[in-house]
Amino acid sequence: TTDKSGKKLHFVYVARRVPAGLATAAVAEVKKAKYLGIDT
């Protein structure tokens, strides 16, 4: 949630260069569960 200086983070990488179909399906399941904060 914060960087080394203590500033709040709003952007972090979770997984890079994921095939589009696979990434879309994973994020869709997160959103289906109504959890916030994940995007592509």
PDB file of all heavy atoms in Angstrom:
ATOM      1  N   THR A   1       0.803  -1.229   0.000  1.00  0.00           N
ATOM      2  CA  THR A   1       0.000   0.000   0.000  1.00  0.00           C
ATOM      3  C   THR A   1       0.837   1.280   0.000  1.00  0.00           C
ATOM      4  O   THR A   1       0.313   2.351  -0.305  1.00  0.00           O
ATOM      5  CB  THR A   1      -0.924   0.009   1.229  1.00  0.00           C
ATOM      6  OG1 THR A   1      -0.124  -0.125   2.410  1.00  0.00           O
ATOM      7  CG2 THR A   1      -1.921  -1.139   1.163  1.00  0.00           C
ATOM      8  N   THR A   2       2.111   1.189   0.347  1.00  0.00           N
ATOM      9  CA  THR A   2       2.957   2.394   0.358  1.00  0.00           C
ATOM     10  C   THR A   2       4.309   2.077  -0.259  1.00  0.00           C
ATOM     11  O   THR A   2       4.748   0.918  -0.289  1.00  0.00           O
ATOM     12  CB  THR A   2       3.186   2.920   1.788  1.00  0.00           C
ATOM     13  OG1 THR A   2       3.840   1.907   2.560  1.00  0.00           O
ATOM     14  CG2 THR A   2       1.868   3.299   2.453  1.00  0.00           C
ATOM     15  N   ASP A   3       4.981   3.126  -0.752  1.00  0.00           N
ATOM     16  CA  ASP A   3       6.328   2.935  -1.261  1.00  0.00           C
ATOM     17  C   ASP A   3       7.324   3.126  -0.126  1.00  0.00           C
ATOM     18  O   ASP A   3       6.932   3.275   1.049  1.00  0.00           O
ATOM     19  CB  ASP A   3       6.607   3.885  -2.427  1.00  0.00           C
ATOM     20  CG  ASP A   3       6.508   5.353  -2.035  1.00  0.00           C
ATOM     21  OD1 ASP A   3       6.524   5.654  -0.815  1.00  0.00           O
ATOM     22  OD2 ASP A   3       6.421   6.199  -2.932  1.00  0.00           O
ATOM     23  N   LYS A   4       8.608   3.163  -0.439  1.00  0.00           N
ATOM     24  CA  LYS A   4       9.633   3.250   0.604  1.00  0.00           C
ATOM     25  C   LYS A   4       9.577   4.553   1.382  1.00  0.00           C
ATOM     26  O   LYS A   4      10.003   4.614   2.531  1.00  0.00           O
ATOM     27  CB  LYS A   4      11.019   3.085  -0.036  1.00  0.00           C
ATOM     28  CG  LYS A   4      11.254   1.694  -0.607  1.00  0.00           C
ATOM     29  CD  LYS A   4      12.643   1.576  -1.219  1.00  0.00           C
ATOM     30  CE  LYS A   4      12.885   0.193  -1.784  1.00  0.00           C
ATOM     31  NZ  LYS A   4      14.234   0.057  -2.388  1.00  0.00           N
ATOM     32  N   SER A   5       9.060   5.590   0.726  1.00  0.00           N
ATOM     33  CA  SER A   5       8.978   6.888   1.412  1.00  0.00           C
ATOM     34  C   SER A   5       7.718   7.045   2.234  1.00  0.00           C
ATOM     35  O   SER A   5       7.519   8.060   2.894  1.00  0.00           O
ATOM     36  CB  SER A   5       9.055   8.018   0.377  1.00  0.00           C
ATOM     37  OG  SER A   5       7.904   7.997  -0.448  1.00  0.00           O
ATOM     38  N   GLY A   6       6.850   6.036   2.187  1.00  0.00           N
ATOM     39  CA  GLY A   6       5.596   6.109   2.944  1.00  0.00           C
ATOM     40  C   GLY A   6       4.431   6.662   2.145  1.00  0.00           C
ATOM     41  O   GLY A   6       3.308   6.731   2.650  1.00  0.00           O
ATOM     42  N   LYS A   7       4.656   7.032   0.885  1.00  0.00           N
ATOM     43  CA  LYS A   7       3.579   7.557   0.055  1.00  0.00           C
ATOM     44  C   LYS A   7       2.677   6.418  -0.389  1.00  0.00           C
ATOM     45  O   LYS A   7       3.132   5.331  -0.742  1.00  0.00           O
ATOM     46  CB  LYS A   7       4.158   8.273  -1.163  1.00  0.00           C
ATOM     47  CG  LYS A   7       3.105   8.930  -2.032  1.00  0.00           C
ATOM     48  CD  LYS A   7       3.750   9.650  -3.214  1.00  0.00           C
ATOM     49  CE  LYS A   7       2.699  10.299  -4.098  1.00  0.00           C
ATOM     50  NZ  LYS A   7       3.318  11.006  -5.247  1.00  0.00           N
ATOM     51  N   LYS A   8       1.380   6.696  -0.391  1.00  0.00           N
ATOM     52  CA  LYS A   8       0.421   5.668  -0.754  1.00  0.00           C
ATOM     53  C   LYS A   8       0.545   5.298  -2.227  1.00  0.00           C
ATOM     54  O   LYS A   8       0.684   6.151  -3.081  1.00  0.00           O
ATOM     55  CB  LYS A   8      -0.998   6.143  -0.463  1.00  0.00           C
ATOM     56  CG  LYS A   8      -1.297   6.263   1.031  1.00  0.00           C
ATOM     57  CD  LYS A   8      -2.738   6.634   1.280  1.00  0.00           C
ATOM     58  CE  LYS A   8      -3.023   6.677   2.771  1.00  0.00           C
ATOM     59  NZ  LYS A   8      -4.430   7.038   3.044  1.00  0.00           N
ATOM     60  N   LEU A   9       0.498   3.985  -2.483  1.00  0.00           N
ATOM     61  CA  LEU A   9       0.573   3.472  -3.839  1.00  0.00           C
ATOM     62  C   LEU A   9      -0.819   3.169  -4.375  1.00  0.00           C
ATOM     63  O   LEU A   9      -1.651   2.578  -3.676  1.00  0.00           O
ATOM     64  CB  LEU A   9       1.413   2.193  -3.880  1.00  0.00           C
ATOM     65  CG  LEU A   9       2.922   2.341  -3.695  1.00  0.00           C
ATOM     66  CD1 LEU A   9       3.578   0.965  -3.651  1.00  0.00           C
ATOM     67  CD2 LEU A   9       3.515   3.163  -4.832  1.00  0.00           C
ATOM     68  N   HIS A  10      -1.042   3.559  -5.610  1.00  0.00           N
ATOM     69  CA  HIS A  10      -2.306   3.254  -6.272  1.00  0.00           C
ATOM     70  C   HIS A  10      -2.093   2.384  -7.505  1.00  0.00           C
ATOM     71  O   HIS A  10      -3.046   2.092  -8.222  1.00  0.00           O
ATOM     72  CB  HIS A  10      -3.011   4.546  -6.690  1.00  0.00           C
ATOM     73  CG  HIS A  10      -3.520   5.346  -5.538  1.00  0.00           C
ATOM     74  ND1 HIS A  10      -4.729   5.107  -4.936  1.00  0.00           N
ATOM     75  CD2 HIS A  10      -2.953   6.380  -4.855  1.00  0.00           C
ATOM     76  CE1 HIS A  10      -4.917   5.979  -3.955  1.00  0.00           C
ATOM     77  NE2 HIS A  10      -3.842   6.754  -3.883  1.00  0.00           N
ATOM     78  N   PHE A  11      -0.833   1.991  -7.749  1.00  0.00           N
ATOM     79  CA  PHE A  11      -0.543   1.218  -8.955  1.00  0.00           C
ATOM     80  C   PHE A  11       0.612   0.264  -8.704  1.00  0.00           C
ATOM     81  O   PHE A  11       1.713   0.687  -8.361  1.00  0.00           O
ATOM     82  CB  PHE A  11      -0.194   2.165 -10.106  1.00  0.00           C
ATOM     83  CG  PHE A  11       0.124   1.476 -11.401  1.00  0.00           C
ATOM     84  CD1 PHE A  11      -0.878   1.184 -12.304  1.00  0.00           C
ATOM     85  CD2 PHE A  11       1.433   1.115 -11.708  1.00  0.00           C
ATOM     86  CE1 PHE A  11      -0.578   0.546 -13.508  1.00  0.00           C
ATOM     87  CE2 PHE A  11       1.738   0.474 -12.888  1.00  0.00           C
ATOM     88  CZ  PHE A  11       0.724   0.189 -13.798  1.00  0.00           C
ATOM     89  N   VAL A  12       0.352  -1.028  -8.868  1.00  0.00           N
ATOM     90  CA  VAL A  12       1.399  -2.040  -8.804  1.00  0.00           C
ATOM     91  C   VAL A  12       1.126  -3.093  -9.871  1.00  0.00           C
ATOM     92  O   VAL A  12      -0.024  -3.340 -10.253  1.00  0.00           O
ATOM     93  CB  VAL A  12       1.476  -2.736  -7.425  1.00  0.00           C
ATOM     94  CG1 VAL A  12       1.891  -1.778  -6.341  1.00  0.00           C
ATOM     95  CG2 VAL A  12       0.165  -3.413  -7.083  1.00  0.00           C
ATOM     96  N   TYR A  13       2.211  -3.692 -10.382  1.00  0.00           N
ATOM     97  CA  TYR A  13       2.060  -4.787 -11.328  1.00  0.00           C
ATOM     98  C   TYR A  13       1.790  -6.087 -10.570  1.00  0.00           C
ATOM     99  O   TYR A  13       2.416  -6.378  -9.555  1.00  0.00           O
ATOM    100  CB  TYR A  13       3.327  -4.967 -12.163  1.00  0.00           C
ATOM    101  CG  TYR A  13       3.570  -3.881 -13.175  1.00  0.00           C
ATOM    102  CD1 TYR A  13       4.591  -2.947 -13.002  1.00  0.00           C
ATOM    103  CD2 TYR A  13       2.778  -3.798 -14.315  1.00  0.00           C
ATOM    104  CE1 TYR A  13       4.811  -1.953 -13.959  1.00  0.00           C
ATOM    105  CE2 TYR A  13       2.995  -2.811 -15.261  1.00  0.00           C
ATOM    106  CZ  TYR A  13       4.011  -1.888 -15.079  1.00  0.00           C
ATOM    107  OH  TYR A  13       4.228  -0.915 -16.004  1.00  0.00           O
ATOM    108  N   VAL A  14       0.877  -6.879 -11.106  1.00  0.00           N
ATOM    109  CA  VAL A  14       0.608  -8.201 -10.554  1.00  0.00           C
ATOM    110  C   VAL A  14       1.175  -9.280 -11.482  1.00  0.00           C
ATOM    111  O   VAL A  14       1.819 -10.214 -11.041  1.00  0.00           O
ATOM    112  CB  VAL A  14      -0.911  -8.421 -10.349  1.00  0.00           C
ATOM    113  CG1 VAL A  14      -1.178  -9.849  -9.846  1.00  0.00           C
ATOM    114  CG2 VAL A  14      -1.469  -7.400  -9.368  1.00  0.00           C
ATOM    115  N   ALA A  15       0.936  -9.132 -12.779  1.00  0.00           N
ATOM    116  CA  ALA A  15       1.465 -10.091 -13.766  1.00  0.00           C
ATOM    117  C   ALA A  15       1.669  -9.377 -15.089  1.00  0.00           C
ATOM    118  O   ALA A  15       0.779  -8.663 -15.552  1.00  0.00           O
ATOM    119  CB  ALA A  15       0.509 -11.265 -13.933  1.00  0.00           C
ATOM    120  N   ARG A  16       2.838  -9.572 -15.685  1.00  0.00           N
ATOM    121  CA  ARG A  16       3.178  -8.905 -16.945  1.00  0.00           C
ATOM    122  C   ARG A  16       3.026  -9.858 -18.122  1.00  0.00           C
ATOM    123  O   ARG A  16       3.245 -11.047 -18.008  1.00  0.00           O
ATOM    124  CB  ARG A  16       4.628  -8.403 -16.908  1.00  0.00           C
ATOM    125  CG  ARG A  16       4.947  -7.383 -15.819  1.00  0.00           C
ATOM    126  CD  ARG A  16       4.260  -6.058 -16.052  1.00  0.00           C
ATOM    127  NE  ARG A  16       4.468  -5.506 -17.370  1.00  0.00           N
ATOM    128  CZ  ARG A  16       5.514  -4.736 -17.692  1.00  0.00           C
ATOM    129  NH1 ARG A  16       6.427  -4.453 -16.780  1.00  0.00           N
ATOM    130  NH2 ARG A  16       5.612  -4.244 -18.917  1.00  0.00           N
ATOM    131  N   ARG A  17       2.667  -9.291 -19.274  1.00  0.00           N
ATOM    132  CA  ARG A  17       2.648  -9.983 -20.562  1.00  0.00           C
ATOM    133  C   ARG A  17       1.892 -11.314 -20.500  1.00  0.00           C
ATOM    134  O   ARG A  17       2.425 -12.385 -20.808  1.00  0.00           O
ATOM    135  CB  ARG A  17       4.067 -10.181 -21.075  1.00  0.00           C
ATOM    136  CG  ARG A  17       4.722  -8.844 -21.393  1.00  0.00           C
ATOM    137  CD  ARG A  17       6.162  -8.973 -21.820  1.00  0.00           C
ATOM    138  NE  ARG A  17       6.670  -7.666 -22.202  1.00  0.00           N
ATOM    139  CZ  ARG A  17       7.113  -6.763 -21.328  1.00  0.00           C
ATOM    140  NH1 ARG A  17       7.156  -7.054 -20.032  1.00  0.00           N
ATOM    141  NH2 ARG A  17       7.525  -5.573 -21.726  1.00  0.00           N
ATOM    142  N   VAL A  18       0.642 -11.202 -20.091  1.00  0.00           N
ATOM    143  CA  VAL A  18      -0.236 -12.363 -20.007  1.00  0.00           C
ATOM    144  C   VAL A  18      -1.074 -12.412 -21.287  1.00  0.00           C
ATOM    145  O   VAL A  18      -1.608 -11.388 -21.710  1.00  0.00           O
ATOM    146  CB  VAL A  18      -1.163 -12.265 -18.781  1.00  0.00           C
ATOM    147  CG1 VAL A  18      -2.049 -13.501 -18.683  1.00  0.00           C
ATOM    148  CG2 VAL A  18      -0.350 -12.078 -17.511  1.00  0.00           C
ATOM    149  N   PRO A  19      -1.205 -13.574 -21.940  1.00  0.00           N
ATOM    150  CA  PRO A  19      -2.084 -13.663 -23.110  1.00  0.00           C
ATOM    151  C   PRO A  19      -3.458 -13.078 -22.802  1.00  0.00           C
ATOM    152  O   PRO A  19      -4.010 -13.309 -21.718  1.00  0.00           O
ATOM    153  CB  PRO A  19      -2.140 -15.170 -23.384  1.00  0.00           C
ATOM    154  CG  PRO A  19      -0.826 -15.677 -22.887  1.00  0.00           C
ATOM    155  CD  PRO A  19      -0.518 -14.855 -21.671  1.00  0.00           C
ATOM    156  N   ALA A  20      -3.984 -12.317 -23.763  1.00  0.00           N
ATOM    157  CA  ALA A  20      -5.183 -11.519 -23.507  1.00  0.00           C
ATOM    158  C   ALA A  20      -6.347 -12.345 -22.976  1.00  0.00           C
ATOM    159  O   ALA A  20      -7.035 -11.942 -22.026  1.00  0.00           O
ATOM    160  CB  ALA A  20      -5.586 -10.795 -24.787  1.00  0.00           C
ATOM    161  N   GLY A  21      -6.616 -13.499 -23.584  1.00  0.00           N
ATOM    162  CA  GLY A  21      -7.751 -14.307 -23.155  1.00  0.00           C
ATOM    163  C   GLY A  21      -7.618 -14.777 -21.721  1.00  0.00           C
ATOM    164  O   GLY A  21      -8.591 -14.759 -20.940  1.00  0.00           O
ATOM    165  N   LEU A  22      -6.428 -15.185 -21.339  1.00  0.00           N
ATOM    166  CA  LEU A  22      -6.181 -15.679 -19.990  1.00  0.00           C
ATOM    167  C   LEU A  22      -6.327 -14.567 -18.957  1.00  0.00           C
ATOM    168  O   LEU A  22      -6.949 -14.744 -17.903  1.00  0.00           O
ATOM    169  CB  LEU A  22      -4.778 -16.289 -19.929  1.00  0.00           C
ATOM    170  CG  LEU A  22      -4.380 -17.041 -18.661  1.00  0.00           C
ATOM    171  CD1 LEU A  22      -5.297 -18.234 -18.445  1.00  0.00           C
ATOM    172  CD2 LEU A  22      -2.936 -17.500 -18.762  1.00  0.00           C
ATOM    173  N   ALA A  23      -5.752 -13.397 -19.271  1.00  0.00           N
ATOM    174  CA  ALA A  23      -5.832 -12.270 -18.345  1.00  0.00           C
ATOM    175  C   ALA A  23      -7.266 -11.788 -18.169  1.00  0.00           C
ATOM    176  O   ALA A  23      -7.719 -11.502 -17.052  1.00  0.00           O
ATOM    177  CB  ALA A  23      -4.957 -11.125 -18.843  1.00  0.00           C
ATOM    178  N   THR A  24      -7.993 -11.698 -19.269  1.00  0.00           N
ATOM    179  CA  THR A  24      -9.388 -11.227 -19.207  1.00  0.00           C
ATOM    180  C   THR A  24     -10.239 -12.144 -18.351  1.00  0.00           C
ATOM    181  O   THR A  24     -11.067 -11.682 -17.547  1.00  0.00           O
ATOM    182  CB  THR A  24      -9.969 -11.136 -20.635  1.00  0.00           C
ATOM    183  OG1 THR A  24      -9.174 -10.228 -21.408  1.00  0.00           O
ATOM    184  CG2 THR A  24     -11.406 -10.643 -20.613  1.00  0.00           C
ATOM    185  N   ALA A  25     -10.056 -13.448 -18.507  1.00  0.00           N
ATOM    186  CA  ALA A  25     -10.847 -14.409 -17.729  1.00  0.00           C
ATOM    187  C   ALA A  25     -10.541 -14.296 -16.237  1.00  0.00           C
ATOM    188  O   ALA A  25     -11.448 -14.355 -15.397  1.00  0.00           O
ATOM    189  CB  ALA A  25     -10.569 -15.823 -18.220  1.00  0.00           C
ATOM    190  N   ALA A  26      -9.268 -14.120 -15.901  1.00  0.00           N
ATOM    191  CA  ALA A  26      -8.890 -14.024 -14.487  1.00  0.00           C
ATOM    192  C   ALA A  26      -9.472 -12.776 -13.841  1.00  0.00           C
ATOM    193  O   ALA A  26     -10.024 -12.821 -12.729  1.00  0.00           O
ATOM    194  CB  ALA A  26      -7.372 -14.036 -14.358  1.00  0.00           C
ATOM    195  N   VAL A  27      -9.355 -11.634 -14.518  1.00  0.00           N
ATOM    196  CA  VAL A  27      -9.873 -10.371 -13.970  1.00  0.00           C
ATOM    197  C   VAL A  27     -11.405 -10.409 -13.883  1.00  0.00           C
ATOM    198  O   VAL A  27     -12.001  -9.874 -12.939  1.00  0.00           O
ATOM    199  CB  VAL A  27      -9.396  -9.184 -14.821  1.00  0.00           C
ATOM    200  CG1 VAL A  27     -10.075  -7.891 -14.386  1.00  0.00           C
ATOM    201  CG2 VAL A  27      -7.889  -9.051 -14.713  1.00  0.00           C
ATOM    202  N   ALA A  28     -12.042 -11.053 -14.855  1.00  0.00           N
ATOM    203  CA  ALA A  28     -13.503 -11.157 -14.831  1.00  0.00           C
ATOM    204  C   ALA A  28     -13.980 -11.903 -13.602  1.00  0.00           C
ATOM    205  O   ALA A  28     -15.011 -11.548 -12.994  1.00  0.00           O
ATOM    206  CB  ALA A  28     -13.985 -11.859 -16.099  1.00  0.00           C
ATOM    207  N   GLU A  29     -13.248 -12.922 -13.192  1.00  0.00           N
ATOM    208  CA  GLU A  29     -13.647 -13.677 -12.000  1.00  0.00           C
ATOM    209  C   GLU A  29     -13.497 -12.833 -10.735  1.00  0.00           C
ATOM    210  O   GLU A  29     -14.305 -12.933  -9.820  1.00  0.00           O
ATOM    211  CB  GLU A  29     -12.821 -14.959 -11.895  1.00  0.00           C
ATOM    212  CG  GLU A  29     -13.298 -15.872 -10.777  1.00  0.00           C
ATOM    213  CD  GLU A  29     -12.785 -17.289 -10.911  1.00  0.00           C
ATOM    214  OE1 GLU A  29     -12.513 -17.715 -12.053  1.00  0.00           O
ATOM    215  OE2 GLU A  29     -12.668 -17.969  -9.878  1.00  0.00           O
ATOM    216  N   VAL A  30     -12.444 -12.001 -10.714  1.00  0.00           N
ATOM    217  CA  VAL A  30     -12.267 -11.106  -9.564  1.00  0.00           C
ATOM    218  C   VAL A  30     -13.432 -10.123  -9.487  1.00  0.00           C
ATOM    219  O   VAL A  30     -14.015  -9.893  -8.408  1.00  0.00           O
ATOM    220  CB  VAL A  30     -10.940 -10.339  -9.679  1.00  0.00           C
ATOM    221  CG1 VAL A  30     -10.831  -9.269  -8.594  1.00  0.00           C
ATOM    222  CG2 VAL A  30      -9.759 -11.300  -9.574  1.00  0.00           C
ATOM    223  N   LYS A  31     -13.796  -9.553 -10.616  1.00  0.00           N
ATOM    224  CA  LYS A  31     -14.885  -8.570 -10.627  1.00  0.00           C
ATOM    225  C   LYS A  31     -16.239  -9.220 -10.361  1.00  0.00           C
ATOM    226  O   LYS A  31     -17.129  -8.597  -9.773  1.00  0.00           O
ATOM    227  CB  LYS A  31     -14.882  -7.831 -11.960  1.00  0.00           C
ATOM    228  CG  LYS A  31     -13.661  -6.937 -12.134  1.00  0.00           C
ATOM    229  CD  LYS A  31     -13.715  -6.113 -13.396  1.00  0.00           C
ATOM    230  CE  LYS A  31     -12.511  -5.164 -13.474  1.00  0.00           C
ATOM    231  NZ  LYS A  31     -12.520  -4.327 -14.692  1.00  0.00           N
ATOM    232  N   LYS A  32     -16.399 -10.457 -10.789  1.00  0.00           N
ATOM    233  CA  LYS A  32     -17.641 -11.179 -10.520  1.00  0.00           C
ATOM    234  C   LYS A  32     -17.856 -11.354  -9.024  1.00  0.00           C
ATOM    235  O   LYS A  32     -18.993 -11.328  -8.529  1.00  0.00           O
ATOM    236  CB  LYS A  32     -17.600 -12.548 -11.206  1.00  0.00           C
ATOM    237  CG  LYS A  32     -18.872 -13.362 -11.050  1.00  0.00           C
ATOM    238  CD  LYS A  32     -18.746 -14.686 -11.781  1.00  0.00           C
ATOM    239  CE  LYS A  32     -20.011 -15.520 -11.607  1.00  0.00           C
ATOM    240  NZ  LYS A  32     -19.893 -16.832 -12.309  1.00  0.00           N
ATOM    241  N   ALA A  33     -16.754 -11.508  -8.298  1.00  0.00           N
ATOM    242  CA  ALA A  33     -16.836 -11.627  -6.839  1.00  0.00           C
ATOM    243  C   ALA A  33     -16.987 -10.268  -6.159  1.00  0.00           C
ATOM    244  O   ALA A  33     -17.017 -10.192  -4.933  1.00  0.00           O
ATOM    245  CB  ALA A  33     -15.592 -12.339  -6.321  1.00  0.00           C
ATOM    246  N   LYS A  34     -17.057  -9.178  -7.002  1.00  0.00           N
ATOM    247  CA  LYS A  34     -17.271  -7.807  -6.529  1.00  0.00           C
ATOM    248  C   LYS A  34     -16.111  -7.281  -5.683  1.00  0.00           C
ATOM    249  O   LYS A  34     -16.298  -6.496  -4.762  1.00  0.00           O
ATOM    250  CB  LYS A  34     -18.600  -7.690  -5.770  1.00  0.00           C
ATOM    251  CG  LYS A  34     -19.801  -8.071  -6.619  1.00  0.00           C
ATOM    252  CD  LYS A  34     -21.098  -7.704  -5.949  1.00  0.00           C
ATOM    253  CE  LYS A  34     -22.291  -8.131  -6.800  1.00  0.00           C
ATOM    254  NZ  LYS A  34     -22.285  -7.566  -8.146  1.00  0.00           N
ATOM    255  N   TYR A  35     -14.901  -7.755  -6.009  1.00  0.00           N
ATOM    256  CA  TYR A  35     -13.713  -7.209  -5.378  1.00  0.00           C
ATOM    257  C   TYR A  35     -13.184  -6.067  -6.248  1.00  0.00           C
ATOM    258  O   TYR A  35     -13.169  -6.169  -7.477  1.00  0.00           O
ATOM    259  CB  TYR A  35     -12.629  -8.272  -5.217  1.00  0.00           C
ATOM    260  CG  TYR A  35     -13.053  -9.450  -4.370  1.00  0.00           C
ATOM    261  CD1 TYR A  35     -12.777 -10.754  -4.784  1.00  0.00           C
ATOM    262  CD2 TYR A  35     -13.726  -9.261  -3.161  1.00  0.00           C
ATOM    263  CE1 TYR A  35     -13.156 -11.839  -4.016  1.00  0.00           C
ATOM    264  CE2 TYR A  35     -14.116 -10.347  -2.390  1.00  0.00           C
ATOM    265  CZ  TYR A  35     -13.834 -11.627  -2.827  1.00  0.00           C
ATOM    266  OH  TYR A  35     -14.230 -12.700  -2.077  1.00  0.00           O
ATOM    267  N   LEU A  36     -12.729  -5.011  -5.606  1.00  0.00           N
ATOM    268  CA  LEU A  36     -12.285  -3.817  -6.318  1.00  0.00           C
ATOM    269  C   LEU A  36     -10.761  -3.768  -6.441  1.00  0.00           C
ATOM    270  O   LEU A  36     -10.047  -4.453  -5.717  1.00  0.00           O
ATOM    271  CB  LEU A  36     -12.785  -2.564  -5.601  1.00  0.00           C
ATOM    272  CG  LEU A  36     -14.300  -2.415  -5.429  1.00  0.00           C
ATOM    273  CD1 LEU A  36     -14.617  -1.153  -4.637  1.00  0.00           C
ATOM    274  CD2 LEU A  36     -14.985  -2.388  -6.787  1.00  0.00           C
ATOM    275  N   GLY A  37     -10.296  -2.920  -7.377  1.00  0.00           N
ATOM    276  CA  GLY A  37      -8.878  -2.593  -7.441  1.00  0.00           C
ATOM    277  C   GLY A  37      -8.053  -3.374  -8.435  1.00  0.00           C
ATOM    278  O   GLY A  37      -6.846  -3.182  -8.514  1.00  0.00           O
ATOM    279  N   ILE A  38      -8.650  -4.255  -9.233  1.00  0.00           N
ATOM    280  CA  ILE A  38      -7.910  -5.035 -10.231  1.00  0.00           C
ATOM    281  C   ILE A  38      -8.312  -4.575 -11.621  1.00  0.00           C
ATOM    282  O   ILE A  38      -9.497  -4.403 -11.923  1.00  0.00           O
ATOM    283  CB  ILE A  38      -8.188  -6.541 -10.083  1.00  0.00           C
ATOM    284  CG1 ILE A  38      -7.667  -7.036  -8.736  1.00  0.00           C
ATOM    285  CG2 ILE A  38      -7.534  -7.318 -11.214  1.00  0.00           C
ATOM    286  CD1 ILE A  38      -6.161  -6.968  -8.585  1.00  0.00           C
ATOM    287  N   ASP A  39      -7.312  -4.376 -12.472  1.00  0.00           N
ATOM    288  CA  ASP A  39      -7.593  -3.916 -13.826  1.00  0.00           C
ATOM    289  C   ASP A  39      -6.530  -4.476 -14.770  1.00  0.00           C
ATOM    290  O   ASP A  39      -5.574  -5.125 -14.337  1.00  0.00           O
ATOM    291  CB  ASP A  39      -7.606  -2.389 -13.880  1.00  0.00           C
ATOM    292  CG  ASP A  39      -8.438  -1.852 -15.040  1.00  0.00           C
ATOM    293  OD1 ASP A  39      -8.848  -2.657 -15.894  1.00  0.00           O
ATOM    294  OD2 ASP A  39      -8.658  -0.633 -15.085  1.00  0.00           O
ATOM    295  N   THR A  40      -6.697  -4.238 -16.059  1.00  0.00           N
ATOM    296  CA  THR A  40      -5.727  -4.680 -17.064  1.00  0.00           C
ATOM    297  C   THR A  40      -5.290  -3.509 -17.932  1.00  0.00           C
ATOM    298  O   THR A  40      -6.023  -2.531 -18.105  1.00  0.00           O
ATOM    299  CB  THR A  40      -6.317  -5.764 -17.980  1.00  0.00           C
ATOM    300  OG1 THR A  40      -7.464  -5.255 -18.644  1.00  0.00           O
ATOM    301  CG2 THR A  40      -6.663  -7.011 -17.196  1.00  0.00           C
TER     302      THR A  40
END
